Amino acid sequence: MKATKTFSIGENCKGGVITAEVNGKQLTIIGKDFDYTKKRNQQQNAKEWCRFGVQTDAVNAQMKAFMILSDLTTAYYADQVLEWAKTKGIDFQPPYGW
């Protein structure tokens, strides 16, 4: 399944915007600068400044994705992004040894 969602978080996020892309078992997390010339719900074309990819069938992929997101925003919003990804078919493997 392929899906994209842009989260306009604002002051609780470096840059203010996170876009998450799901493509099969790949979760891509993109940090963007808030574009003040656009409305809050029109941030999908904001300037990209970082991009991280996580292969979700790898060991500890959920922890890696959470740590990347936690560097960009608060734990609450990191969890919101991961929960959205799960609704789009991302099935994280259990942590190693569990």
PDB file of N, CA and C in Angstrom:
ATOM      1  N   MET A   1       0.844  -1.178   0.000  1.00  0.00           N
ATOM      2  CA  MET A   1       0.000   0.000   0.000  1.00  0.00           C
ATOM      3  C   MET A   1       0.891   1.244   0.000  1.00  0.00           C
ATOM      4  N   LYS A   2       0.492   2.237  -0.749  1.00  0.00           N
ATOM      5  CA  LYS A   2       1.238   3.482  -0.814  1.00  0.00           C
ATOM      6  C   LYS A   2       0.353   4.600  -0.264  1.00  0.00           C
ATOM      7  N   ALA A   3       0.885   5.365   0.688  1.00  0.00           N
ATOM      8  CA  ALA A   3       0.113   6.454   1.295  1.00  0.00           C
ATOM      9  C   ALA A   3       1.062   7.535   1.796  1.00  0.00           C
ATOM     10  N   THR A   4       0.559   8.762   1.835  1.00  0.00           N
ATOM     11  CA  THR A   4       1.337   9.904   2.313  1.00  0.00           C
ATOM     12  C   THR A   4       0.445  10.777   3.172  1.00  0.00           C
ATOM     13  N   LYS A   5       1.004  11.278   4.269  1.00  0.00           N
ATOM     14  CA  LYS A   5       0.270  12.229   5.106  1.00  0.00           C
ATOM     15  C   LYS A   5       1.240  13.276   5.628  1.00  0.00           C
ATOM     16  N   THR A   6       0.805  14.530   5.595  1.00  0.00           N
ATOM     17  CA  THR A   6       1.595  15.636   6.110  1.00  0.00           C
ATOM     18  C   THR A   6       0.999  16.089   7.434  1.00  0.00           C
ATOM     19  N   PHE A   7       1.844  16.140   8.456  1.00  0.00           N
ATOM     20  CA  PHE A   7       1.443  16.578   9.790  1.00  0.00           C
ATOM     21  C   PHE A   7       1.991  17.988  10.000  1.00  0.00           C
ATOM     22  N   SER A   8       1.107  18.985  10.075  1.00  0.00           N
ATOM     23  CA  SER A   8       1.517  20.364  10.351  1.00  0.00           C
ATOM     24  C   SER A   8       1.460  20.562  11.858  1.00  0.00           C
ATOM     25  N   ILE A   9       2.581  20.334  12.519  1.00  0.00           N
ATOM     26  CA  ILE A   9       2.618  20.298  13.979  1.00  0.00           C
ATOM     27  C   ILE A   9       2.876  21.677  14.570  1.00  0.00           C
ATOM     28  N   GLY A  10       3.683  22.476  13.928  1.00  0.00           N
ATOM     29  CA  GLY A  10       3.940  23.827  14.425  1.00  0.00           C
ATOM     30  C   GLY A  10       5.121  23.861  15.373  1.00  0.00           C
ATOM     31  N   GLU A  11       4.968  24.608  16.465  1.00  0.00           N
ATOM     32  CA  GLU A  11       6.091  24.888  17.367  1.00  0.00           C
ATOM     33  C   GLU A  11       6.602  23.665  18.127  1.00  0.00           C
ATOM     34  N   ASN A  12       5.864  22.573  18.128  1.00  0.00           N
ATOM     35  CA  ASN A  12       6.311  21.355  18.803  1.00  0.00           C
ATOM     36  C   ASN A  12       7.124  20.446  17.899  1.00  0.00           C
ATOM     37  N   CYS A  13       7.633  20.985  16.805  1.00  0.00           N
ATOM     38  CA  CYS A  13       8.351  20.184  15.827  1.00  0.00           C
ATOM     39  C   CYS A  13       9.448  21.020  15.180  1.00  0.00           C
ATOM     40  N   LYS A  14      10.638  20.442  15.005  1.00  0.00           N
ATOM     41  CA  LYS A  14      11.701  21.132  14.274  1.00  0.00           C
ATOM     42  C   LYS A  14      11.201  21.391  12.857  1.00  0.00           C
ATOM     43  N   GLY A  15      11.203  22.627  12.437  1.00  0.00           N
ATOM     44  CA  GLY A  15      10.711  22.976  11.114  1.00  0.00           C
ATOM     45  C   GLY A  15       9.209  23.149  11.054  1.00  0.00           C
ATOM     46  N   GLY A  16       8.478  22.458  11.916  1.00  0.00           N
ATOM     47  CA  GLY A  16       7.030  22.622  11.998  1.00  0.00           C
ATOM     48  C   GLY A  16       6.204  21.600  11.252  1.00  0.00           C
ATOM     49  N   VAL A  17       6.816  20.860  10.300  1.00  0.00           N
ATOM     50  CA  VAL A  17       6.043  19.946   9.461  1.00  0.00           C
ATOM     51  C   VAL A  17       6.775  18.614   9.321  1.00  0.00           C
ATOM     52  N   ILE A  18       6.022  17.523   9.420  1.00  0.00           N
ATOM     53  CA  ILE A  18       6.544  16.176   9.154  1.00  0.00           C
ATOM     54  C   ILE A  18       5.628  15.527   8.129  1.00  0.00           C
ATOM     55  N   THR A  19       6.236  14.950   7.102  1.00  0.00           N
ATOM     56  CA  THR A  19       5.485  14.150   6.138  1.00  0.00           C
ATOM     57  C   THR A  19       5.925  12.702   6.297  1.00  0.00           C
ATOM     58  N   ALA A  20       4.940  11.813   6.370  1.00  0.00           N
ATOM     59  CA  ALA A  20       5.217  10.379   6.460  1.00  0.00           C
ATOM     60  C   ALA A  20       4.723   9.729   5.176  1.00  0.00           C
ATOM     61  N   GLU A  21       5.579   8.876   4.609  1.00  0.00           N
ATOM     62  CA  GLU A  21       5.217   8.141   3.398  1.00  0.00           C
ATOM     63  C   GLU A  21       5.341   6.650   3.671  1.00  0.00           C
ATOM     64  N   VAL A  22       4.317   5.908   3.294  1.00  0.00           N
ATOM     65  CA  VAL A  22       4.329   4.452   3.404  1.00  0.00           C
ATOM     66  C   VAL A  22       4.333   3.901   1.988  1.00  0.00           C
ATOM     67  N   ASN A  23       5.293   3.022   1.722  1.00  0.00           N
ATOM     68  CA  ASN A  23       5.361   2.363   0.419  1.00  0.00           C
ATOM     69  C   ASN A  23       5.771   0.910   0.669  1.00  0.00           C
ATOM     70  N   GLY A  24       4.793   0.036   0.737  1.00  0.00           N
ATOM     71  CA  GLY A  24       5.062  -1.360   1.067  1.00  0.00           C
ATOM     72  C   GLY A  24       5.534  -1.471   2.510  1.00  0.00           C
ATOM     73  N   LYS A  25       6.755  -1.993   2.711  1.00  0.00           N
ATOM     74  CA  LYS A  25       7.322  -2.135   4.053  1.00  0.00           C
ATOM     75  C   LYS A  25       8.287  -1.004   4.397  1.00  0.00           C
ATOM     76  N   GLN A  26       8.304   0.044   3.585  1.00  0.00           N
ATOM     77  CA  GLN A  26       9.202   1.181   3.800  1.00  0.00           C
ATOM     78  C   GLN A  26       8.411   2.355   4.373  1.00  0.00           C
ATOM     79  N   LEU A  27       8.891   2.904   5.479  1.00  0.00           N
ATOM     80  CA  LEU A  27       8.329   4.113   6.068  1.00  0.00           C
ATOM     81  C   LEU A  27       9.369   5.215   5.905  1.00  0.00           C
ATOM     82  N   THR A  28       8.993   6.293   5.239  1.00  0.00           N
ATOM     83  CA  THR A  28       9.892   7.422   5.046  1.00  0.00           C
ATOM     84  C   THR A  28       9.368   8.596   5.862  1.00  0.00           C
ATOM     85  N   ILE A  29      10.257   9.181   6.657  1.00  0.00           N
ATOM     86  CA  ILE A  29       9.924  10.318   7.511  1.00  0.00           C
ATOM     87  C   ILE A  29      10.668  11.533   6.965  1.00  0.00           C
ATOM     88  N   ILE A  30       9.926  12.593   6.640  1.00  0.00           N
ATOM     89  CA  ILE A  30      10.502  13.777   6.023  1.00  0.00           C
ATOM     90  C   ILE A  30      10.227  14.991   6.905  1.00  0.00           C
ATOM     91  N   GLY A  31      11.296  15.675   7.311  1.00  0.00           N
ATOM     92  CA  GLY A  31      11.168  16.923   8.055  1.00  0.00           C
ATOM     93  C   GLY A  31      11.124  18.085   7.076  1.00  0.00           C
ATOM     94  N   LYS A  32      10.200  19.016   7.304  1.00  0.00           N
ATOM     95  CA  LYS A  32      10.042  20.155   6.404  1.00  0.00           C
ATOM     96  C   LYS A  32       9.937  21.452   7.195  1.00  0.00           C
ATOM     97  N   ASP A  33      10.327  22.544   6.537  1.00  0.00           N
ATOM     98  CA  ASP A  33      10.154  23.875   7.116  1.00  0.00           C
ATOM     99  C   ASP A  33       8.741  24.354   6.837  1.00  0.00           C
ATOM    100  N   PHE A  34       8.108  24.932   7.838  1.00  0.00           N
ATOM    101  CA  PHE A  34       6.764  25.470   7.681  1.00  0.00           C
ATOM    102  C   PHE A  34       6.800  26.613   6.679  1.00  0.00           C
ATOM    103  N   ASP A  35       5.930  26.572   5.680  1.00  0.00           N
ATOM    104  CA  ASP A  35       5.844  27.620   4.657  1.00  0.00           C
ATOM    105  C   ASP A  35       4.798  28.635   5.105  1.00  0.00           C
ATOM    106  N   TYR A  36       5.258  29.787   5.579  1.00  0.00           N
ATOM    107  CA  TYR A  36       4.355  30.796   6.133  1.00  0.00           C
ATOM    108  C   TYR A  36       3.506  31.497   5.078  1.00  0.00           C
ATOM    109  N   THR A  37       3.784  31.268   3.793  1.00  0.00           N
ATOM    110  CA  THR A  37       2.955  31.849   2.739  1.00  0.00           C
ATOM    111  C   THR A  37       1.733  30.981   2.455  1.00  0.00           C
ATOM    112  N   LYS A  38       1.665  29.793   3.058  1.00  0.00           N
ATOM    113  CA  LYS A  38       0.551  28.861   2.844  1.00  0.00           C
ATOM    114  C   LYS A  38      -0.210  28.654   4.156  1.00  0.00           C
ATOM    115  N   LYS A  39      -1.445  28.200   4.025  1.00  0.00           N
ATOM    116  CA  LYS A  39      -2.246  27.870   5.198  1.00  0.00           C
ATOM    117  C   LYS A  39      -1.726  26.592   5.835  1.00  0.00           C
ATOM    118  N   ARG A  40      -2.125  26.356   7.069  1.00  0.00           N
ATOM    119  CA  ARG A  40      -1.665  25.192   7.830  1.00  0.00           C
ATOM    120  C   ARG A  40      -1.956  23.877   7.116  1.00  0.00           C
ATOM    121  N   ASN A  41      -3.079  23.773   6.432  1.00  0.00           N
ATOM    122  CA  ASN A  41      -3.444  22.521   5.773  1.00  0.00           C
ATOM    123  C   ASN A  41      -2.910  22.418   4.343  1.00  0.00           C
ATOM    124  N   GLN A  42      -2.005  23.340   3.938  1.00  0.00           N
ATOM    125  CA  GLN A  42      -1.420  23.317   2.594  1.00  0.00           C
ATOM    126  C   GLN A  42       0.107  23.220   2.663  1.00  0.00           C
ATOM    127  N   GLN A  43       0.624  22.413   3.556  1.00  0.00           N
ATOM    128  CA  GLN A  43       2.058  22.332   3.800  1.00  0.00           C
ATOM    129  C   GLN A  43       2.756  21.175   3.082  1.00  0.00           C
ATOM    130  N   GLN A  44       2.031  20.428   2.234  1.00  0.00           N
ATOM    131  CA  GLN A  44       2.640  19.264   1.600  1.00  0.00           C
ATOM    132  C   GLN A  44       3.809  19.613   0.679  1.00  0.00           C
ATOM    133  N   ASN A  45       3.887  20.824   0.161  1.00  0.00           N
ATOM    134  CA  ASN A  45       4.983  21.223  -0.720  1.00  0.00           C
ATOM    135  C   ASN A  45       6.018  22.102  -0.023  1.00  0.00           C
ATOM    136  N   ALA A  46       6.014  22.095   1.296  1.00  0.00           N
ATOM    137  CA  ALA A  46       6.986  22.882   2.057  1.00  0.00           C
ATOM    138  C   ALA A  46       8.400  22.360   1.792  1.00  0.00           C
ATOM    139  N   LYS A  47       9.397  23.206   2.049  1.00  0.00           N
ATOM    140  CA  LYS A  47      10.793  22.848   1.773  1.00  0.00           C
ATOM    141  C   LYS A  47      11.262  21.706   2.673  1.00  0.00           C
ATOM    142  N   GLU A  48      11.774  20.666   2.051  1.00  0.00           N
ATOM    143  CA  GLU A  48      12.282  19.490   2.759  1.00  0.00           C
ATOM    144  C   GLU A  48      13.704  19.753   3.250  1.00  0.00           C
ATOM    145  N   TRP A  49      14.003  19.380   4.492  1.00  0.00           N
ATOM    146  CA  TRP A  49      15.368  19.568   5.001  1.00  0.00           C
ATOM    147  C   TRP A  49      15.973  18.282   5.575  1.00  0.00           C
ATOM    148  N   CYS A  50      15.189  17.249   5.772  1.00  0.00           N
ATOM    149  CA  CYS A  50      15.753  15.958   6.185  1.00  0.00           C
ATOM    150  C   CYS A  50      14.825  14.835   5.748  1.00  0.00           C
ATOM    151  N   ARG A  51      15.416  13.673   5.513  1.00  0.00           N
ATOM    152  CA  ARG A  51      14.650  12.501   5.066  1.00  0.00           C
ATOM    153  C   ARG A  51      15.296  11.251   5.657  1.00  0.00           C
ATOM    154  N   PHE A  52      14.470  10.415   6.270  1.00  0.00           N
ATOM    155  CA  PHE A  52      14.942   9.161   6.860  1.00  0.00           C
ATOM    156  C   PHE A  52      14.037   8.033   6.387  1.00  0.00           C
ATOM    157  N   GLY A  53      14.624   6.910   6.032  1.00  0.00           N
ATOM    158  CA  GLY A  53      13.857   5.740   5.633  1.00  0.00           C
ATOM    159  C   GLY A  53      14.045   4.614   6.634  1.00  0.00           C
ATOM    160  N   VAL A  54      12.969   3.914   6.925  1.00  0.00           N
ATOM    161  CA  VAL A  54      13.012   2.782   7.854  1.00  0.00           C
ATOM    162  C   VAL A  54      12.358   1.594   7.169  1.00  0.00           C
ATOM    163  N   GLN A  55      13.093   0.493   7.069  1.00  0.00           N
ATOM    164  CA  GLN A  55      12.544  -0.758   6.548  1.00  0.00           C
ATOM    165  C   GLN A  55      11.819  -1.431   7.713  1.00  0.00           C
ATOM    166  N   THR A  56      10.502  -1.486   7.651  1.00  0.00           N
ATOM    167  CA  THR A  56       9.714  -1.841   8.830  1.00  0.00           C
ATOM    168  C   THR A  56       9.723  -3.317   9.189  1.00  0.00           C
ATOM    169  N   ASP A  57      10.283  -4.178   8.343  1.00  0.00           N
ATOM    170  CA  ASP A  57      10.371  -5.582   8.720  1.00  0.00           C
ATOM    171  C   ASP A  57      11.717  -5.914   9.365  1.00  0.00           C
ATOM    172  N   ALA A  58      12.542  -4.904   9.594  1.00  0.00           N
ATOM    173  CA  ALA A  58      13.831  -5.100  10.260  1.00  0.00           C
ATOM    174  C   ALA A  58      13.632  -5.166  11.778  1.00  0.00           C
ATOM    175  N   VAL A  59      14.609  -5.749  12.459  1.00  0.00           N
ATOM    176  CA  VAL A  59      14.566  -5.842  13.919  1.00  0.00           C
ATOM    177  C   VAL A  59      14.637  -4.426  14.508  1.00  0.00           C
ATOM    178  N   ASN A  60      13.803  -4.154  15.478  1.00  0.00           N
ATOM    179  CA  ASN A  60      13.737  -2.879  16.184  1.00  0.00           C
ATOM    180  C   ASN A  60      13.406  -1.698  15.275  1.00  0.00           C
ATOM    181  N   ALA A  61      12.686  -1.937  14.190  1.00  0.00           N
ATOM    182  CA  ALA A  61      12.320  -0.863  13.260  1.00  0.00           C
ATOM    183  C   ALA A  61      11.411   0.161  13.920  1.00  0.00           C
ATOM    184  N   GLN A  62      10.477  -0.289  14.763  1.00  0.00           N
ATOM    185  CA  GLN A  62       9.573   0.654  15.417  1.00  0.00           C
ATOM    186  C   GLN A  62      10.347   1.575  16.352  1.00  0.00           C
ATOM    187  N   MET A  63      11.324   1.035  17.078  1.00  0.00           N
ATOM    188  CA  MET A  63      12.135   1.865  17.970  1.00  0.00           C
ATOM    189  C   MET A  63      12.964   2.859  17.160  1.00  0.00           C
ATOM    190  N   LYS A  64      13.521   2.416  16.047  1.00  0.00           N
ATOM    191  CA  LYS A  64      14.306   3.316  15.202  1.00  0.00           C
ATOM    192  C   LYS A  64      13.432   4.455  14.672  1.00  0.00           C
ATOM    193  N   ALA A  65      12.245   4.121  14.167  1.00  0.00           N
ATOM    194  CA  ALA A  65      11.332   5.144  13.656  1.00  0.00           C
ATOM    195  C   ALA A  65      10.924   6.102  14.771  1.00  0.00           C
ATOM    196  N   PHE A  66      10.651   5.566  15.959  1.00  0.00           N
ATOM    197  CA  PHE A  66      10.259   6.423  17.088  1.00  0.00           C
ATOM    198  C   PHE A  66      11.400   7.358  17.493  1.00  0.00           C
ATOM    199  N   MET A  67      12.622   6.863  17.487  1.00  0.00           N
ATOM    200  CA  MET A  67      13.771   7.702  17.860  1.00  0.00           C
ATOM    201  C   MET A  67      13.996   8.809  16.829  1.00  0.00           C
ATOM    202  N   ILE A  68      13.837   8.495  15.551  1.00  0.00           N
ATOM    203  CA  ILE A  68      13.957   9.523  14.508  1.00  0.00           C
ATOM    204  C   ILE A  68      12.884  10.586  14.706  1.00  0.00           C
ATOM    205  N   LEU A  69      11.657  10.141  14.897  1.00  0.00           N
ATOM    206  CA  LEU A  69      10.557  11.082  15.097  1.00  0.00           C
ATOM    207  C   LEU A  69      10.718  11.889  16.382  1.00  0.00           C
ATOM    208  N   SER A  70      11.211  11.249  17.447  1.00  0.00           N
ATOM    209  CA  SER A  70      11.408  11.948  18.721  1.00  0.00           C
ATOM    210  C   SER A  70      12.469  13.032  18.621  1.00  0.00           C
ATOM    211  N   ASP A  71      13.398  12.866  17.686  1.00  0.00           N
ATOM    212  CA  ASP A  71      14.386  13.920  17.455  1.00  0.00           C
ATOM    213  C   ASP A  71      13.752  15.119  16.757  1.00  0.00           C
ATOM    214  N   LEU A  72      12.694  14.874  15.989  1.00  0.00           N
ATOM    215  CA  LEU A  72      12.026  15.954  15.264  1.00  0.00           C
ATOM    216  C   LEU A  72      10.893  16.602  16.048  1.00  0.00           C
ATOM    217  N   THR A  73      10.245  15.847  16.926  1.00  0.00           N
ATOM    218  CA  THR A  73       9.059  16.347  17.608  1.00  0.00           C
ATOM    219  C   THR A  73       8.926  15.689  18.975  1.00  0.00           C
ATOM    220  N   THR A  74       7.798  15.900  19.636  1.00  0.00           N
ATOM    221  CA  THR A  74       7.559  15.318  20.950  1.00  0.00           C
ATOM    222  C   THR A  74       7.136  13.854  20.816  1.00  0.00           C
ATOM    223  N   ALA A  75       7.179  13.136  21.914  1.00  0.00           N
ATOM    224  CA  ALA A  75       6.785  11.725  21.913  1.00  0.00           C
ATOM    225  C   ALA A  75       5.324  11.561  21.504  1.00  0.00           C
ATOM    226  N   TYR A  76       4.473  12.504  21.887  1.00  0.00           N
ATOM    227  CA  TYR A  76       3.052  12.432  21.523  1.00  0.00           C
ATOM    228  C   TYR A  76       2.883  12.414  20.005  1.00  0.00           C
ATOM    229  N   TYR A  77       3.501  13.378  19.322  1.00  0.00           N
ATOM    230  CA  TYR A  77       3.360  13.449  17.861  1.00  0.00           C
ATOM    231  C   TYR A  77       4.099  12.312  17.162  1.00  0.00           C
ATOM    232  N   ALA A  78       5.207  11.856  17.735  1.00  0.00           N
ATOM    233  CA  ALA A  78       5.904  10.696  17.178  1.00  0.00           C
ATOM    234  C   ALA A  78       4.967   9.497  17.179  1.00  0.00           C
ATOM    235  N   ASP A  79       4.250   9.314  18.268  1.00  0.00           N
ATOM    236  CA  ASP A  79       3.296   8.207  18.374  1.00  0.00           C
ATOM    237  C   ASP A  79       2.142   8.383  17.392  1.00  0.00           C
ATOM    238  N   GLN A  80       1.684   9.609  17.178  1.00  0.00           N
ATOM    239  CA  GLN A  80       0.610   9.872  16.220  1.00  0.00           C
ATOM    240  C   GLN A  80       1.015   9.458  14.801  1.00  0.00           C
ATOM    241  N   VAL A  81       2.244   9.783  14.422  1.00  0.00           N
ATOM    242  CA  VAL A  81       2.741   9.417  13.089  1.00  0.00           C
ATOM    243  C   VAL A  81       2.821   7.901  12.955  1.00  0.00           C
ATOM    244  N   LEU A  82       3.356   7.219  13.977  1.00  0.00           N
ATOM    245  CA  LEU A  82       3.473   5.762  13.919  1.00  0.00           C
ATOM    246  C   LEU A  82       2.106   5.080  13.899  1.00  0.00           C
ATOM    247  N   GLU A  83       1.162   5.604  14.649  1.00  0.00           N
ATOM    248  CA  GLU A  83      -0.189   5.032  14.644  1.00  0.00           C
ATOM    249  C   GLU A  83      -0.835   5.200  13.279  1.00  0.00           C
ATOM    250  N   TRP A  84      -0.625   6.349  12.625  1.00  0.00           N
ATOM    251  CA  TRP A  84      -1.139   6.539  11.273  1.00  0.00           C
ATOM    252  C   TRP A  84      -0.515   5.501  10.324  1.00  0.00           C
ATOM    253  N   ALA A  85       0.802   5.301  10.444  1.00  0.00           N
ATOM    254  CA  ALA A  85       1.498   4.346   9.578  1.00  0.00           C
ATOM    255  C   ALA A  85       0.928   2.940   9.760  1.00  0.00           C
ATOM    256  N   LYS A  86       0.587   2.576  10.975  1.00  0.00           N
ATOM    257  CA  LYS A  86       0.012   1.251  11.228  1.00  0.00           C
ATOM    258  C   LYS A  86      -1.349   1.094  10.557  1.00  0.00           C
ATOM    259  N   THR A  87      -2.124   2.183  10.486  1.00  0.00           N
ATOM    260  CA  THR A  87      -3.431   2.110   9.809  1.00  0.00           C
ATOM    261  C   THR A  87      -3.278   1.961   8.299  1.00  0.00           C
ATOM    262  N   LYS A  88      -2.092   2.247   7.787  1.00  0.00           N
ATOM    263  CA  LYS A  88      -1.831   2.140   6.352  1.00  0.00           C
ATOM    264  C   LYS A  88      -1.100   0.849   5.987  1.00  0.00           C
ATOM    265  N   GLY A  89      -1.064  -0.096   6.906  1.00  0.00           N
ATOM    266  CA  GLY A  89      -0.528  -1.415   6.600  1.00  0.00           C
ATOM    267  C   GLY A  89       0.869  -1.697   7.113  1.00  0.00           C
ATOM    268  N   ILE A  90       1.494  -0.768   7.794  1.00  0.00           N
ATOM    269  CA  ILE A  90       2.819  -1.016   8.366  1.00  0.00           C
ATOM    270  C   ILE A  90       2.650  -1.941   9.571  1.00  0.00           C
ATOM    271  N   ASP A  91       3.365  -3.062   9.552  1.00  0.00           N
ATOM    272  CA  ASP A  91       3.301  -4.030  10.639  1.00  0.00           C
ATOM    273  C   ASP A  91       4.717  -4.202  11.179  1.00  0.00           C
ATOM    274  N   PHE A  92       5.041  -3.477  12.238  1.00  0.00           N
ATOM    275  CA  PHE A  92       6.364  -3.552  12.820  1.00  0.00           C
ATOM    276  C   PHE A  92       6.599  -4.916  13.458  1.00  0.00           C
ATOM    277  N   GLN A  93       7.799  -5.439  13.299  1.00  0.00           N
ATOM    278  CA  GLN A  93       8.179  -6.693  13.930  1.00  0.00           C
ATOM    279  C   GLN A  93       8.383  -6.454  15.430  1.00  0.00           C
ATOM    280  N   PRO A  94       8.127  -7.453  16.261  1.00  0.00           N
ATOM    281  CA  PRO A  94       8.370  -7.273  17.693  1.00  0.00           C
ATOM    282  C   PRO A  94       9.869  -7.056  17.949  1.00  0.00           C
ATOM    283  N   PRO A  95      10.190  -6.354  19.036  1.00  0.00           N
ATOM    284  CA  PRO A  95      11.619  -6.125  19.359  1.00  0.00           C
ATOM    285  C   PRO A  95      12.377  -7.429  19.497  1.00  0.00           C
ATOM    286  N   TYR A  96      13.670  -7.386  19.216  1.00  0.00           N
ATOM    287  CA  TYR A  96      14.530  -8.562  19.285  1.00  0.00           C
ATOM    288  C   TYR A  96      14.451  -9.207  20.660  1.00  0.00           C
ATOM    289  N   GLY A  97      14.232 -10.503  20.696  1.00  0.00           N
ATOM    290  CA  GLY A  97      14.211 -11.231  21.947  1.00  0.00           C
ATOM    291  C   GLY A  97      12.848 -11.306  22.609  1.00  0.00           C
ATOM    292  N   TRP A  98      11.804 -10.739  22.001  1.00  0.00           N
ATOM    293  CA  TRP A  98      10.474 -10.779  22.612  1.00  0.00           C
ATOM    294  C   TRP A  98       9.645 -11.868  22.013  1.00  0.00           C
TER     295      TRP A  98
END
